[in-house]
Amino acid sequence: MLGFSAVFPTSTPEPLVLLTPPRCLTANRTQQGVLLTWIPPANHTAPIQHYVMEFRLGERWEILDDSIPAGELELLARDLIQEAWYEFRIIAVMDDMVSEPSNVVGVSSTDFFPPPEMVEERGLTRPVVAGIVATICFLAAAVLFSTMAACFVNKQRRKKLKRKKDPPLSITHCRKSMETP
């Protein structure tokens, strides 16, 4: 018989786990801007060094902040362009490894609420002005409609009174009688 001996490893090697992305990225609009929050990656062997927050307005991703400390789990994005749709994602950095990007969250910068101190400086906010304008337009339409209705009713009343004042026309028919010679 041939001398054949099989060698089996006594333990299985640990699978190589890459750095997973940060989880549950959320975006909430506040008076100051967009508050972005996330949960750190689930599996990592060494401490996270820092995070990189990216955003995009169109096709290309750009860096919003590339030095977010590892202990931070939120970022306030300020000074965003009004009337725009933003998308955000975050990446974790550890040693020489960079994680895949997190989930992408989108938020509109259209409806930010200005801080109270800005409202006093600028006067009335846009929603308040819109409400005032809408109320004025509604009242103007109501006045116009009621004026037109009053004119129509008065015109009808005048026609009715004119008909009553005129004497009725009477037409007498002359009949020839067969009995008279």
Protein backbone atom coordinates (compact mmCIF):
# COMPACT_ATOMS: atom_id res chain seq x y z
CA MET A 1 0.00 0.00 0.00
CA LEU A 2 1.07 3.46 -0.70
CA GLY A 3 1.77 5.76 2.18
CA PHE A 4 -1.03 8.28 1.84
CA SER A 5 -1.89 10.52 4.69
CA ALA A 6 -4.41 13.27 4.48
CA VAL A 7 -3.77 16.45 6.35
CA PHE A 8 -6.81 18.28 7.64
CA PRO A 9 -6.53 21.69 9.23
CA THR A 10 -7.41 21.69 12.89
CA SER A 11 -9.24 25.02 12.67
CA THR A 12 -10.83 26.96 9.85
CA PRO A 13 -9.28 30.31 9.05
CA GLU A 14 -11.32 33.40 9.85
CA PRO A 15 -12.90 34.88 6.74
CA LEU A 16 -11.55 38.26 5.72
CA VAL A 17 -14.20 40.83 6.68
CA LEU A 18 -14.01 44.15 4.95
CA LEU A 19 -15.22 47.31 6.60
CA THR A 20 -18.98 47.50 6.26
CA PRO A 21 -20.65 50.84 5.56
CA PRO A 22 -22.25 53.04 8.19
CA ARG A 23 -25.92 52.13 8.67
CA CYS A 24 -29.30 53.84 8.80
CA LEU A 25 -28.33 57.25 7.44
CA THR A 26 -31.26 59.64 7.93
CA ALA A 27 -31.82 63.27 6.98
CA ASN A 28 -34.14 65.59 8.90
CA ARG A 29 -34.82 69.22 8.04
CA THR A 30 -34.42 71.67 10.90
CA GLN A 31 -34.42 75.45 11.25
CA GLN A 32 -30.64 75.48 10.88
CA GLY A 33 -30.30 73.08 7.92
CA VAL A 34 -30.36 69.31 7.37
CA LEU A 35 -29.45 67.11 10.34
CA LEU A 36 -27.81 63.88 9.13
CA THR A 37 -27.54 60.98 11.58
CA TRP A 38 -26.20 57.43 11.21
CA ILE A 39 -25.13 54.29 13.07
CA PRO A 40 -21.49 53.10 12.88
CA PRO A 41 -20.53 50.06 10.80
CA ALA A 42 -21.53 46.72 12.31
CA ASN A 43 -18.29 44.76 12.00
CA HIS A 44 -14.85 46.24 12.27
CA THR A 45 -11.75 45.03 14.04
CA ALA A 46 -9.95 48.33 14.56
CA PRO A 47 -11.45 51.67 15.58
CA ILE A 48 -12.95 53.88 12.90
CA GLN A 49 -10.62 56.80 12.18
CA HIS A 50 -13.17 59.18 10.67
CA TYR A 51 -16.17 59.51 8.39
CA VAL A 52 -16.59 61.20 5.02
CA MET A 53 -19.99 62.73 4.18
CA GLU A 54 -20.77 63.14 0.48
CA PHE A 55 -23.62 64.89 -1.30
CA ARG A 56 -24.84 65.42 -4.82
CA LEU A 57 -27.17 67.82 -6.55
CA GLY A 58 -26.95 66.20 -9.96
CA GLU A 59 -24.84 63.35 -11.24
CA ARG A 60 -21.50 63.78 -9.44
CA TRP A 61 -20.84 63.04 -5.76
CA GLU A 62 -18.96 65.76 -3.90
CA ILE A 63 -17.45 65.85 -0.42
CA LEU A 64 -19.41 67.79 2.18
CA ASP A 65 -17.04 66.97 5.08
CA ASP A 66 -14.07 64.57 4.98
CA SER A 67 -12.95 64.80 8.60
CA ILE A 68 -15.91 63.86 10.77
CA PRO A 69 -14.49 62.41 14.01
CA ALA A 70 -15.17 58.72 14.66
CA GLY A 71 -17.17 59.49 17.80
CA GLU A 72 -19.60 61.78 15.96
CA LEU A 73 -22.79 60.21 14.65
CA GLU A 74 -24.46 63.33 13.29
CA LEU A 75 -23.69 66.27 11.06
CA LEU A 76 -25.61 69.46 10.41
CA ALA A 77 -25.47 70.49 6.74
CA ARG A 78 -25.91 74.27 6.52
CA ASP A 79 -25.94 76.85 3.75
CA LEU A 80 -27.66 74.63 1.21
CA ILE A 81 -28.89 76.04 -2.08
CA GLN A 82 -32.60 76.85 -1.87
CA GLU A 83 -35.08 75.07 -4.13
CA ALA A 84 -32.79 72.05 -4.67
CA TRP A 85 -32.92 68.27 -4.13
CA TYR A 86 -29.91 66.95 -2.18
CA GLU A 87 -28.79 63.36 -1.79
CA PHE A 88 -26.38 62.34 0.99
CA ARG A 89 -24.30 59.27 1.81
CA ILE A 90 -21.52 58.55 4.31
CA ILE A 91 -18.34 56.45 4.19
CA ALA A 92 -16.29 55.08 7.09
CA VAL A 93 -12.46 55.18 7.02
CA MET A 94 -10.32 52.77 9.07
CA ASP A 95 -6.57 52.35 8.63
CA ASP A 96 -6.12 51.90 4.88
CA MET A 97 -9.67 50.67 4.33
CA VAL A 98 -12.63 52.66 3.09
CA SER A 99 -16.11 51.24 3.44
CA GLU A 100 -18.73 51.09 0.77
CA PRO A 101 -21.09 54.07 0.89
CA SER A 102 -24.08 53.93 3.20
CA ASN A 103 -27.66 54.10 2.06
CA VAL A 104 -28.52 57.26 0.14
CA VAL A 105 -31.00 59.72 1.63
CA GLY A 106 -32.61 62.57 -0.24
CA VAL A 107 -34.05 65.81 1.06
CA SER A 108 -35.45 68.97 -0.49
CA SER A 109 -34.06 72.33 0.59
CA THR A 110 -37.26 74.06 -0.52
CA ASP A 111 -39.15 74.20 2.74
CA PHE A 112 -36.55 75.14 5.34
CA PHE A 113 -37.90 77.13 8.22
CA PRO A 114 -35.83 80.24 8.86
CA PRO A 115 -34.61 80.81 12.41
CA PRO A 116 -36.77 83.22 14.44
CA GLU A 117 -34.11 85.95 14.43
CA MET A 118 -34.13 85.96 10.61
CA VAL A 119 -37.91 86.32 10.50
CA GLU A 120 -37.73 89.54 12.51
CA GLU A 121 -35.01 90.99 10.28
CA ARG A 122 -36.68 90.21 6.95
CA GLY A 123 -40.27 90.87 7.95
CA LEU A 124 -42.88 88.27 7.07
CA THR A 125 -41.97 84.78 5.91
CA ARG A 126 -42.98 83.42 2.52
CA PRO A 127 -45.88 81.24 3.81
CA VAL A 128 -47.35 84.20 5.73
CA VAL A 129 -47.18 86.45 2.67
CA ALA A 130 -48.75 83.70 0.54
CA GLY A 131 -51.60 83.38 3.04
CA ILE A 132 -52.21 87.13 3.04
CA VAL A 133 -52.21 87.30 -0.76
CA ALA A 134 -54.59 84.33 -1.00
CA THR A 135 -56.96 85.92 1.51
CA ILE A 136 -56.96 89.23 -0.37
CA CYS A 137 -57.64 87.45 -3.68
CA PHE A 138 -60.48 85.46 -2.12
CA LEU A 139 -62.07 88.57 -0.65
CA ALA A 140 -61.72 90.48 -3.95
CA ALA A 141 -63.40 87.59 -5.81
CA ALA A 142 -66.19 87.47 -3.22
CA VAL A 143 -66.82 91.24 -3.54
CA LEU A 144 -66.79 91.03 -7.34
CA PHE A 145 -69.18 88.06 -7.35
CA SER A 146 -71.60 89.68 -4.88
CA THR A 147 -71.58 92.95 -6.89
CA MET A 148 -72.37 91.07 -10.10
CA ALA A 149 -75.14 89.15 -8.35
CA ALA A 150 -76.67 92.39 -6.99
CA CYS A 151 -76.60 93.97 -10.46
CA PHE A 152 -78.29 90.94 -11.98
CA VAL A 153 -81.02 90.90 -9.32
CA ASN A 154 -81.65 94.65 -9.73
CA LYS A 155 -81.89 94.27 -13.50
CA GLN A 156 -84.45 91.49 -13.11
CA ARG A 157 -86.45 93.59 -10.63
CA ARG A 158 -86.50 96.57 -13.01
CA LYS A 159 -87.80 94.40 -15.85
CA LYS A 160 -90.52 93.04 -13.61
CA LEU A 161 -91.62 96.52 -12.47
CA LYS A 162 -91.64 97.81 -16.05
CA ARG A 163 -93.95 94.98 -17.09
CA LYS A 164 -96.41 95.80 -14.30
CA LYS A 165 -96.56 99.53 -15.14
CA ASP A 166 -97.47 99.06 -18.80
CA PRO A 167 -101.22 98.53 -19.31
CA PRO A 168 -102.07 95.25 -20.85
CA LEU A 169 -102.77 95.35 -24.51
CA SER A 170 -106.31 94.41 -25.34
CA ILE A 171 -107.20 93.40 -28.78
CA THR A 172 -110.84 93.39 -29.69
CA HIS A 173 -111.93 91.32 -32.55
CA CYS A 174 -114.74 92.36 -34.65
CA ARG A 175 -116.86 89.51 -35.66
CA LYS A 176 -119.30 89.67 -38.28
CA SER A 177 -122.48 88.28 -37.15
CA MET A 178 -124.46 86.18 -39.53
CA GLU A 179 -127.64 87.27 -37.92
CA THR A 180 -127.44 90.88 -38.85
CA PRO A 181 -128.62 91.78 -42.34
